[in-house]
Amino acid sequence: MGDTAHPFIPNTAPEARARALKTIGIDSVEEIYASVPDRVRFKGTMDLPAPIRSEGSLRRHLERIVSKNLSTRDNLSFLGGGCWPHYVPAVCDEIANRGEFVTAYGGGELGDHGKWQAVFEFQSLLGELIGMDVVSAPTYDWGAAANSALLMATRYTGRSELLVPESISADRYSQMYNFVRPVASISKVRMDPATGLMDLDDLRAKVSDRTAAVYFENPSFLGTVEIGARDIVETAKKAGALAIAGVDPITLGVIAPPGDYGADIVVGDIQPLGIHMNGGGGLAGFIASRDEPKIVAEYNALLLSVAPGIGEGEVGFKYSTFERTSYEVRGDSPDYIGTTQWLWGIVAGVYLSLMGPQGMQDVGETILQRSSYAAARLGELDGVTSPALSGPFFKEFVVDFTGTGKTMTEINQGLRDRGIFGGHALAGDFPQMGQSALYCVTEVHDKADIDELVAALQEVLS
């Protein structure tokens, strides 16, 4: 970097860099890398273009790169599978961009009192929605929350066997397997191939006195609503295991919350609650449970609580049982969590406040109606079976194109040529389903969008 200050990198001016080096007691930046063996250090000069020092030129350069992407914002999209297209009210963006909220980090209870209250309100609203007393501050995503919940169950029960549904996504299962394998084994419970629901007979055969938890998703990754949820929970509890439910919170205006059918721990993602789809972000998981001290003690995630202040009528917000977190016990922690997604929790709180119970019911009913219409229209196409699974579904459903004689690669490429992102191809992760795809239809898809998809598929399949 020499003696030239870089406009976009802090502390690169020679005077500022010299002060920084003096403060940490070294003469050169090279001393920082002294511990890196010489044999692995790069000796040459990297083949990089000249730096762009103009902010305007740099912006244009980056925009040209980004414009090469095929965006779900500029194309009609029916993709879901963990990050879904939902309408984001303008007020959600307005609050998310306020200076006092815009970072994902939380500061101290005095300097960030408003942010702490906003996260507490999110916890309270989400707890009411899912029927649980305790809700964590947001963590990375649904997968991270589910992984931690499984470890919570192993510590709570002292057992080391975990059961998950066969219908789980391959990505989430891979995360779970790698996350829990130091302390527990993980096995899949068969899926009924006709309905997509968990096979209760197989569950009863596999659950045992070694089982720490039975994890299931409602709706499942394949979109089916788990109408046997109460039976799954009762089977787990009868064996002394915990029942962990993974849920999409936007379903809970029309589907019974996990608290009603007895789940011990609930996890999920708040992305549908006012958060835009975006590459590499926009997800935020949560962990929730009833207010049982022994379960709360196993949370790795941050919990915000409210307490009386010094003055009459005053309240304050502070971490609850902070000593159990990895922030406090560091290397002695039985589990770990890093940066939380505070901003997305605040946005979800805004969304829930705006929608209210009636709004959540309305959006749920709208999604049910539009996804049902889409499934029926797609089922009218020659060689297409839609929905491919007979179990009830919410916003996602499997469409089987095997009878058309075309592959999902051919079909999805044909749709992309027409400005449409088709469903998520399933052949790689669920080969038993043949040439099938997972389609997602929400409140953002109107009748014209669905009819456009059907017309485009007629052309592609002809």
Protein backbone atom coordinates (compact mmCIF):
# COMPACT_ATOMS: atom_id res chain seq x y z
CA MET A 1 0.00 0.00 0.00
CA GLY A 2 3.06 2.22 0.36
CA ASP A 3 2.58 5.78 1.55
CA THR A 4 -0.74 6.31 -0.21
CA ALA A 5 -3.98 6.51 1.74
CA HIS A 6 -6.83 4.39 0.39
CA PRO A 7 -10.22 6.15 0.30
CA PHE A 8 -12.21 3.06 1.32
CA ILE A 9 -9.90 1.41 3.88
CA PRO A 10 -9.54 3.01 7.33
CA ASN A 11 -6.15 3.84 8.91
CA THR A 12 -4.23 3.68 5.62
CA ALA A 13 -2.95 7.25 5.76
CA PRO A 14 0.77 7.08 6.72
CA GLU A 15 0.30 9.10 9.95
CA ALA A 16 -2.67 7.04 11.11
CA ARG A 17 -0.93 3.76 10.24
CA ALA A 18 2.21 4.82 12.15
CA ARG A 19 0.13 5.66 15.25
CA ALA A 20 -1.64 2.30 15.08
CA LEU A 21 1.66 0.40 14.81
CA LYS A 22 3.18 2.38 17.68
CA THR A 23 0.16 1.69 19.87
CA ILE A 24 0.56 -2.08 19.52
CA GLY A 25 4.32 -1.88 19.86
CA ILE A 26 5.63 -2.85 16.44
CA ASP A 27 7.48 -1.02 13.65
CA SER A 28 6.01 -2.69 10.57
CA VAL A 29 2.87 -4.48 9.44
CA GLU A 30 5.15 -7.34 8.40
CA GLU A 31 5.74 -8.14 12.08
CA ILE A 32 2.08 -9.11 12.40
CA TYR A 33 2.66 -11.96 9.94
CA ALA A 34 5.97 -13.13 11.41
CA SER A 35 4.37 -16.31 12.77
CA VAL A 36 3.28 -17.42 9.27
CA PRO A 37 5.91 -19.89 7.97
CA ASP A 38 7.95 -18.50 5.10
CA ARG A 39 7.28 -21.59 2.95
CA VAL A 40 3.56 -20.84 2.76
CA ARG A 41 3.81 -17.09 2.23
CA PHE A 42 3.05 -15.70 -1.22
CA LYS A 43 6.16 -14.11 -2.69
CA GLY A 44 4.96 -12.72 -5.98
CA THR A 45 2.65 -9.92 -6.97
CA MET A 46 -1.01 -10.70 -7.38
CA ASP A 47 -2.41 -10.17 -10.86
CA LEU A 48 -5.04 -7.62 -9.92
CA PRO A 49 -6.43 -4.69 -11.89
CA ALA A 50 -5.55 -1.16 -10.85
CA PRO A 51 -7.57 0.09 -7.87
CA ILE A 52 -10.67 2.17 -8.52
CA ARG A 53 -10.34 5.18 -6.24
CA SER A 54 -13.40 7.08 -7.44
CA GLU A 55 -16.54 6.24 -5.49
CA GLY A 56 -18.74 6.92 -8.52
CA SER A 57 -16.63 4.74 -10.81
CA LEU A 58 -16.50 1.95 -8.25
CA ARG A 59 -20.27 2.01 -7.89
CA ARG A 60 -20.79 1.76 -11.66
CA HIS A 61 -18.27 -1.09 -11.84
CA LEU A 62 -20.06 -3.09 -9.15
CA GLU A 63 -23.49 -2.39 -10.64
CA ARG A 64 -22.29 -3.74 -14.01
CA ILE A 65 -21.15 -6.94 -12.29
CA VAL A 66 -24.40 -7.36 -10.36
CA SER A 67 -26.49 -6.69 -13.47
CA LYS A 68 -25.23 -9.97 -14.92
CA ASN A 69 -27.26 -11.88 -12.31
CA LEU A 70 -30.71 -13.25 -13.04
CA SER A 71 -32.64 -11.76 -10.14
CA THR A 72 -35.89 -12.97 -8.57
CA ARG A 73 -36.79 -9.29 -8.35
CA ASP A 74 -36.70 -8.90 -12.13
CA ASN A 75 -38.10 -12.33 -13.02
CA LEU A 76 -41.24 -14.18 -11.95
CA SER A 77 -40.09 -16.68 -9.32
CA PHE A 78 -41.66 -19.79 -7.80
CA LEU A 79 -38.58 -20.77 -5.82
CA GLY A 80 -38.77 -21.47 -2.09
CA GLY A 81 -37.18 -24.27 -0.11
CA GLY A 82 -36.04 -22.18 2.85
CA CYS A 83 -36.10 -18.60 1.59
CA TRP A 84 -39.47 -17.54 0.25
CA PRO A 85 -41.00 -14.65 -1.74
CA HIS A 86 -43.33 -12.75 0.59
CA TYR A 87 -44.56 -9.19 0.52
CA VAL A 88 -42.52 -6.78 2.65
CA PRO A 89 -44.59 -3.81 3.87
CA ALA A 90 -42.89 -0.43 3.34
CA VAL A 91 -42.85 0.28 7.07
CA CYS A 92 -40.56 -2.74 7.59
CA ASP A 93 -37.91 -1.22 5.32
CA GLU A 94 -38.40 2.20 6.90
CA ILE A 95 -37.66 0.86 10.40
CA ALA A 96 -34.84 -1.43 9.21
CA ASN A 97 -32.98 1.55 7.73
CA ARG A 98 -33.15 3.76 10.79
CA GLY A 99 -29.69 4.55 12.11
CA GLU A 100 -30.40 3.36 15.64
CA PHE A 101 -31.44 -0.10 14.37
CA VAL A 102 -29.53 -0.75 11.17
CA THR A 103 -26.69 -2.93 12.57
CA ALA A 104 -27.19 -6.59 13.46
CA TYR A 105 -25.25 -6.07 16.68
CA GLY A 106 -26.69 -5.14 20.06
CA GLY A 107 -24.79 -2.82 22.37
CA GLY A 108 -25.23 -2.27 26.10
CA GLU A 109 -28.53 -2.02 27.91
CA LEU A 110 -27.94 1.71 28.54
CA GLY A 111 -26.64 2.82 25.16
CA ASP A 112 -29.02 0.60 23.17
CA HIS A 113 -32.07 0.63 25.41
CA GLY A 114 -34.46 1.19 22.49
CA LYS A 115 -32.97 -1.64 20.47
CA TRP A 116 -33.15 -3.97 23.45
CA GLN A 117 -36.81 -3.12 23.96
CA ALA A 118 -37.52 -3.71 20.26
CA VAL A 119 -35.96 -7.18 20.43
CA PHE A 120 -37.88 -7.94 23.63
CA GLU A 121 -41.11 -6.97 21.86
CA PHE A 122 -40.19 -9.27 18.97
CA GLN A 123 -39.66 -12.14 21.41
CA SER A 124 -43.02 -11.45 23.03
CA LEU A 125 -44.94 -11.21 19.75
CA LEU A 126 -43.37 -14.35 18.31
CA GLY A 127 -44.00 -16.22 21.57
CA GLU A 128 -47.68 -15.36 21.35
CA LEU A 129 -47.80 -16.50 17.73
CA ILE A 130 -46.18 -19.91 18.32
CA GLY A 131 -47.69 -20.54 21.74
CA MET A 132 -44.49 -20.50 23.80
CA ASP A 133 -43.31 -18.49 26.81
CA VAL A 134 -39.59 -18.13 26.07
CA VAL A 135 -38.17 -16.99 22.71
CA SER A 136 -34.53 -16.34 21.92
CA ALA A 137 -33.06 -13.31 20.23
CA PRO A 138 -32.59 -14.21 16.53
CA THR A 139 -29.75 -16.49 15.54
CA TYR A 140 -28.26 -17.20 12.09
CA ASP A 141 -31.10 -19.14 10.45
CA TRP A 142 -33.53 -22.05 10.88
CA GLY A 143 -30.75 -24.61 10.48
CA ALA A 144 -28.58 -23.06 13.18
CA ALA A 145 -31.56 -22.88 15.55
CA ALA A 146 -32.48 -26.52 14.89
CA ASN A 147 -28.90 -27.68 15.41
CA SER A 148 -28.70 -25.95 18.78
CA ALA A 149 -32.12 -27.29 19.80
CA LEU A 150 -30.95 -30.84 19.14
CA LEU A 151 -27.91 -30.32 21.36
CA MET A 152 -30.16 -28.76 24.01
CA ALA A 153 -32.16 -32.00 23.98
CA THR A 154 -29.08 -34.20 24.39
CA ARG A 155 -27.98 -32.19 27.42
CA TYR A 156 -31.48 -32.04 28.89
CA THR A 157 -32.14 -35.79 28.58
CA GLY A 158 -28.61 -37.14 28.93
CA ARG A 159 -29.25 -39.22 25.80
CA SER A 160 -27.38 -39.43 22.51
CA GLU A 161 -29.79 -40.50 19.76
CA LEU A 162 -31.76 -38.10 17.55
CA LEU A 163 -34.55 -38.78 15.06
CA VAL A 164 -35.37 -36.48 12.11
CA PRO A 165 -37.77 -36.83 9.15
CA GLU A 166 -36.74 -38.33 5.81
CA SER A 167 -38.41 -35.32 4.15
CA ILE A 168 -35.82 -32.92 5.59
CA SER A 169 -33.73 -30.96 3.10
CA ALA A 170 -30.32 -32.39 2.31
CA ASP A 171 -28.62 -29.13 3.30
CA ARG A 172 -30.26 -29.03 6.72
CA TYR A 173 -29.57 -32.70 7.37
CA SER A 174 -25.91 -32.20 6.46
CA GLN A 175 -25.67 -29.30 8.91
CA MET A 176 -27.35 -31.31 11.65
CA TYR A 177 -25.18 -34.36 11.11
CA ASN A 178 -21.95 -32.40 11.33
CA PHE A 179 -23.15 -30.28 14.24
CA VAL A 180 -24.26 -33.12 16.54
CA ARG A 181 -21.90 -35.95 15.60
CA PRO A 182 -19.40 -35.28 18.43
CA VAL A 183 -22.10 -36.09 20.98
CA ALA A 184 -25.00 -37.90 19.27
CA SER A 185 -26.09 -40.12 16.40
CA ILE A 186 -28.82 -39.02 14.03
CA SER A 187 -31.26 -41.23 12.10
CA LYS A 188 -34.09 -40.58 9.67
CA VAL A 189 -37.72 -41.61 10.12
CA ARG A 190 -39.32 -42.77 6.88
CA MET A 191 -41.71 -40.59 4.92
CA ASP A 192 -44.96 -41.96 3.58
CA PRO A 193 -44.24 -41.81 -0.19
CA ALA A 194 -47.88 -41.11 -1.02
CA THR A 195 -48.63 -38.32 1.45
CA GLY A 196 -45.19 -36.89 2.31
CA LEU A 197 -46.06 -37.18 6.02
CA MET A 198 -43.89 -38.83 8.66
CA ASP A 199 -44.47 -42.61 8.86
CA LEU A 200 -45.76 -42.97 12.44
CA ASP A 201 -45.23 -46.74 12.48
CA ASP A 202 -41.58 -46.27 11.57
CA LEU A 203 -41.26 -43.58 14.24
CA ARG A 204 -42.69 -45.90 16.91
CA ALA A 205 -40.29 -48.64 15.81
CA LYS A 206 -37.24 -46.38 16.01
CA VAL A 207 -37.86 -44.27 19.12
CA SER A 208 -36.33 -45.76 22.27
CA ASP A 209 -35.01 -45.00 25.73
CA ARG A 210 -31.84 -43.75 24.00
CA THR A 211 -33.70 -41.07 22.01
CA ALA A 212 -33.02 -37.51 23.12
CA ALA A 213 -35.38 -35.81 20.68
CA VAL A 214 -37.71 -36.32 17.76
CA TYR A 215 -37.43 -33.41 15.34
CA PHE A 216 -40.10 -32.75 12.71
CA GLU A 217 -41.12 -29.85 10.49
CA ASN A 218 -44.59 -28.44 10.05
CA PRO A 219 -44.93 -27.81 7.15
CA SER A 220 -42.17 -30.10 5.95
CA PHE A 221 -39.49 -29.14 3.46
CA LEU A 222 -41.71 -30.71 0.79
CA GLY A 223 -44.60 -28.48 1.84
CA THR A 224 -46.90 -30.99 3.52
CA VAL A 225 -48.68 -29.98 6.72
CA GLU A 226 -47.89 -32.58 9.39
CA ILE A 227 -51.43 -33.50 10.47
CA GLY A 228 -49.95 -36.17 12.76
CA ALA A 229 -48.03 -33.58 14.80
CA ARG A 230 -49.84 -34.42 18.04
CA ASP A 231 -49.12 -38.14 17.56
CA ILE A 232 -45.44 -37.40 16.89
CA VAL A 233 -45.20 -35.34 20.07
CA GLU A 234 -46.97 -37.98 22.17
CA THR A 235 -44.76 -40.75 20.78
CA ALA A 236 -41.61 -38.80 21.65
CA LYS A 237 -42.76 -37.94 25.15
CA LYS A 238 -43.90 -41.49 25.87
CA ALA A 239 -40.27 -42.56 25.28
CA GLY A 240 -38.95 -39.76 27.51
CA ALA A 241 -37.62 -37.76 24.55
CA LEU A 242 -38.23 -34.12 23.71
CA ALA A 243 -40.39 -33.15 20.75
CA ILE A 244 -38.81 -30.38 18.63
CA ALA A 245 -40.99 -28.72 16.00
CA GLY A 246 -39.61 -26.66 13.12
CA VAL A 247 -42.18 -24.17 11.85
CA ASP A 248 -42.68 -21.44 9.28
CA PRO A 249 -44.26 -18.68 11.41
CA ILE A 250 -46.33 -17.22 8.57
CA THR A 251 -48.43 -20.40 8.62
CA LEU A 252 -49.62 -19.80 12.17
CA GLY A 253 -52.53 -17.57 11.28
CA VAL A 254 -54.28 -20.66 9.87
CA ILE A 255 -52.41 -23.67 11.34
CA ALA A 256 -52.39 -24.54 15.05
CA PRO A 257 -49.23 -23.30 16.81
CA PRO A 258 -46.73 -25.85 18.17
CA GLY A 259 -47.63 -24.92 21.74
CA ASP A 260 -51.13 -26.29 21.13
CA TYR A 261 -49.91 -29.77 20.22
CA GLY A 262 -47.35 -29.96 23.00
CA ALA A 263 -43.95 -29.38 21.37
CA ASP A 264 -41.17 -28.92 23.93
CA ILE A 265 -38.90 -26.77 21.76
CA VAL A 266 -39.82 -24.81 18.63
CA VAL A 267 -37.42 -23.52 15.98
CA GLY A 268 -37.87 -21.81 12.64
CA ASP A 269 -36.97 -18.84 10.47
CA ILE A 270 -38.50 -15.37 10.59
CA GLN A 271 -37.59 -14.49 6.97
CA PRO A 272 -41.28 -14.60 5.88
CA LEU A 273 -42.10 -11.88 8.44
CA GLY A 274 -41.16 -8.76 6.51
CA ILE A 275 -37.63 -9.68 5.40
CA HIS A 276 -36.54 -9.53 1.75
CA MET A 277 -34.97 -12.48 -0.01
CA ASN A 278 -31.31 -11.67 -0.67
CA GLY A 279 -28.21 -13.58 -1.57
CA GLY A 280 -26.15 -14.48 1.48
CA GLY A 281 -28.52 -12.98 4.05
CA GLY A 282 -32.06 -12.17 5.06
CA LEU A 283 -32.44 -15.25 7.25
CA ALA A 284 -32.81 -15.36 11.02
CA GLY A 285 -33.62 -18.36 13.18
CA PHE A 286 -35.24 -18.57 16.58
CA ILE A 287 -35.47 -21.04 19.46
CA ALA A 288 -38.51 -21.12 21.74
CA SER A 289 -39.83 -23.24 24.58
CA ARG A 290 -42.09 -23.22 27.59
CA ASP A 291 -40.77 -21.43 30.66
CA GLU A 292 -39.13 -24.43 32.30
CA PRO A 293 -35.87 -23.46 34.07
CA LYS A 294 -34.13 -26.72 33.16
CA ILE A 295 -34.81 -26.16 29.44
CA VAL A 296 -33.99 -22.45 29.60
CA ALA A 297 -30.64 -23.32 31.18
CA GLU A 298 -29.71 -25.21 28.00
CA TYR A 299 -30.28 -22.29 25.60
CA ASN A 300 -27.11 -21.11 23.93
CA ALA A 301 -28.90 -18.13 22.38
CA LEU A 302 -29.33 -14.73 23.98
CA LEU A 303 -32.55 -14.04 25.88
CA LEU A 304 -33.78 -10.55 26.67
CA SER A 305 -36.00 -9.99 29.67
CA VAL A 306 -37.78 -7.03 31.28
CA ALA A 307 -37.38 -5.94 34.91
CA PRO A 308 -38.55 -3.05 37.12
CA GLY A 309 -36.41 0.10 37.04
CA ILE A 310 -35.30 2.28 39.94
CA GLY A 311 -38.13 4.78 39.58
CA GLU A 312 -41.80 3.99 39.99
CA GLY A 313 -43.29 2.67 36.76
CA GLU A 314 -39.90 2.36 35.07
CA VAL A 315 -38.71 -0.81 33.37
CA GLY A 316 -35.41 -1.92 31.93
CA PHE A 317 -34.30 -4.62 29.51
CA LYS A 318 -31.39 -6.96 30.12
CA TYR A 319 -29.98 -10.35 29.19
CA SER A 320 -31.58 -13.21 31.09
CA THR A 321 -29.34 -15.91 32.62
CA PHE A 322 -26.41 -14.61 30.63
CA GLU A 323 -24.00 -16.93 32.46
CA ARG A 324 -25.14 -19.92 30.34
CA THR A 325 -24.03 -18.36 27.01
CA SER A 326 -20.78 -18.83 25.15
CA TYR A 327 -20.22 -15.08 25.48
CA GLU A 328 -19.82 -15.57 29.22
CA VAL A 329 -18.21 -18.99 29.68
CA ARG A 330 -16.24 -19.02 26.40
CA GLY A 331 -14.27 -22.24 26.03
CA ASP A 332 -16.25 -23.99 28.75
CA SER A 333 -19.53 -23.51 26.91
CA PRO A 334 -21.30 -26.75 25.84
CA ASP A 335 -22.61 -24.97 22.74
CA TYR A 336 -21.79 -21.85 20.78
CA ILE A 337 -23.52 -18.90 19.20
CA GLY A 338 -21.92 -15.84 17.67
CA THR A 339 -23.38 -12.75 16.04
CA THR A 340 -27.15 -12.61 16.34
CA GLN A 341 -29.51 -11.20 13.74
CA TRP A 342 -30.96 -8.38 15.85
CA LEU A 343 -32.01 -6.25 12.89
CA TRP A 344 -34.17 -8.99 11.38
CA GLY A 345 -35.80 -9.65 14.75
CA ILE A 346 -36.75 -5.99 15.00
CA VAL A 347 -38.18 -6.08 11.45
CA ALA A 348 -40.18 -9.22 12.26
CA GLY A 349 -41.54 -7.48 15.34
CA VAL A 350 -42.65 -4.57 13.17
CA TYR A 351 -44.32 -6.98 10.74
CA LEU A 352 -46.19 -8.85 13.48
CA SER A 353 -47.29 -5.58 15.09
CA LEU A 354 -48.56 -4.32 11.75
CA MET A 355 -50.39 -7.50 10.78
CA GLY A 356 -51.98 -8.45 14.09
CA PRO A 357 -54.00 -11.68 14.51
CA GLN A 358 -56.46 -10.83 11.73
CA GLY A 359 -53.70 -9.89 9.30
CA MET A 360 -51.86 -13.15 9.93
CA GLN A 361 -55.07 -15.07 9.31
CA ASP A 362 -55.75 -13.11 6.12
CA VAL A 363 -52.29 -13.67 4.66
CA GLY A 364 -52.43 -17.37 5.58
CA GLU A 365 -55.79 -17.84 3.89
CA THR A 366 -54.58 -15.95 0.81
CA ILE A 367 -51.54 -18.20 0.51
CA LEU A 368 -53.68 -21.33 0.89
CA GLN A 369 -56.06 -20.17 -1.83
CA ARG A 370 -53.37 -19.14 -4.32
CA SER A 371 -51.15 -22.18 -3.83
CA SER A 372 -54.18 -24.47 -4.19
CA TYR A 373 -55.15 -22.73 -7.43
CA ALA A 374 -51.60 -23.08 -8.76
CA ALA A 375 -51.39 -26.77 -7.88
CA ALA A 376 -54.70 -27.44 -9.61
CA ARG A 377 -53.75 -25.49 -12.77
CA LEU A 378 -50.38 -27.26 -13.04
CA GLY A 379 -52.18 -30.59 -12.65
CA GLU A 380 -54.10 -29.84 -15.87
CA LEU A 381 -50.92 -30.09 -17.97
CA ASP A 382 -50.37 -33.31 -19.91
CA GLY A 383 -47.96 -35.69 -18.15
CA VAL A 384 -47.81 -33.54 -14.99
CA THR A 385 -48.95 -34.70 -11.55
CA SER A 386 -49.71 -31.79 -9.24
CA PRO A 387 -49.67 -31.94 -6.34
CA ALA A 388 -47.55 -35.09 -6.40
CA LEU A 389 -48.11 -35.76 -2.68
CA SER A 390 -51.62 -36.23 -1.31
CA GLY A 391 -50.95 -34.69 2.10
CA PRO A 392 -52.30 -31.19 2.74
CA PHE A 393 -49.89 -28.36 1.90
CA PHE A 394 -49.52 -24.69 2.71
CA LYS A 395 -47.46 -22.66 0.20
CA GLU A 396 -45.10 -25.27 -1.24
CA PHE A 397 -45.99 -28.45 -3.08
CA VAL A 398 -44.25 -31.06 -5.20
CA VAL A 399 -44.97 -31.20 -8.93
CA ASP A 400 -43.98 -34.38 -10.81
CA PHE A 401 -42.96 -33.89 -14.45
CA THR A 402 -41.74 -37.47 -15.01
CA GLY A 403 -44.67 -38.24 -17.30
CA THR A 404 -43.70 -35.46 -19.70
CA GLY A 405 -40.49 -37.19 -20.74
CA LYS A 406 -38.46 -34.07 -20.03
CA THR A 407 -35.86 -33.50 -17.32
CA MET A 408 -36.07 -30.78 -14.72
CA THR A 409 -32.94 -29.24 -16.24
CA GLU A 410 -34.69 -28.87 -19.59
CA ILE A 411 -37.90 -27.59 -18.02
CA ASN A 412 -36.27 -25.03 -15.75
CA GLN A 413 -34.00 -23.78 -18.52
CA GLY A 414 -37.01 -23.33 -20.77
CA LEU A 415 -38.76 -21.33 -18.06
CA ARG A 416 -35.68 -19.17 -17.44
CA ASP A 417 -35.59 -18.37 -21.16
CA ARG A 418 -39.10 -16.99 -20.63
CA GLY A 419 -38.26 -14.90 -17.57
CA ILE A 420 -39.51 -17.39 -14.98
CA PHE A 421 -37.74 -19.25 -12.19
CA GLY A 422 -39.47 -22.62 -11.91
CA GLY A 423 -39.55 -24.88 -8.89
CA HIS A 424 -36.56 -26.24 -7.00
CA ALA A 425 -35.49 -29.51 -8.67
CA LEU A 426 -35.66 -32.48 -6.28
CA ALA A 427 -34.05 -35.32 -8.24
CA GLY A 428 -30.64 -34.89 -6.63
CA ASP A 429 -31.85 -35.04 -3.03
CA PHE A 430 -35.00 -37.14 -3.49
CA PRO A 431 -34.26 -39.48 -6.44
CA GLN A 432 -37.30 -41.60 -5.61
CA MET A 433 -39.48 -38.69 -6.76
CA GLY A 434 -38.19 -38.77 -10.32
CA GLN A 435 -38.28 -35.54 -12.32
CA SER A 436 -40.04 -33.46 -9.69
CA ALA A 437 -39.76 -29.90 -8.40
CA LEU A 438 -40.83 -28.03 -5.29
CA TYR A 439 -42.99 -25.04 -6.24
CA CYS A 440 -43.66 -22.09 -3.94
CA VAL A 441 -46.74 -19.86 -4.27
CA THR A 442 -47.44 -17.08 -1.77
CA GLU A 443 -49.48 -13.90 -1.42
CA VAL A 444 -47.18 -12.13 -3.92
CA HIS A 445 -48.34 -14.40 -6.76
CA ASP A 446 -51.64 -13.32 -8.28
CA LYS A 447 -53.81 -15.23 -10.74
CA ALA A 448 -52.09 -13.64 -13.73
CA ASP A 449 -48.67 -14.83 -12.46
CA ILE A 450 -49.89 -18.39 -12.04
CA ASP A 451 -51.59 -18.41 -15.44
CA GLU A 452 -48.37 -17.07 -17.01
CA LEU A 453 -46.44 -19.96 -15.44
CA VAL A 454 -48.91 -22.51 -16.79
CA ALA A 455 -48.81 -20.99 -20.28
CA ALA A 456 -45.00 -20.98 -20.28
CA LEU A 457 -44.90 -24.61 -19.16
CA GLN A 458 -47.30 -25.58 -21.96
CA GLU A 459 -44.79 -24.13 -24.44
CA VAL A 460 -41.77 -25.76 -22.76
CA LEU A 461 -43.44 -29.19 -22.56
CA SER A 462 -44.84 -29.18 -26.09
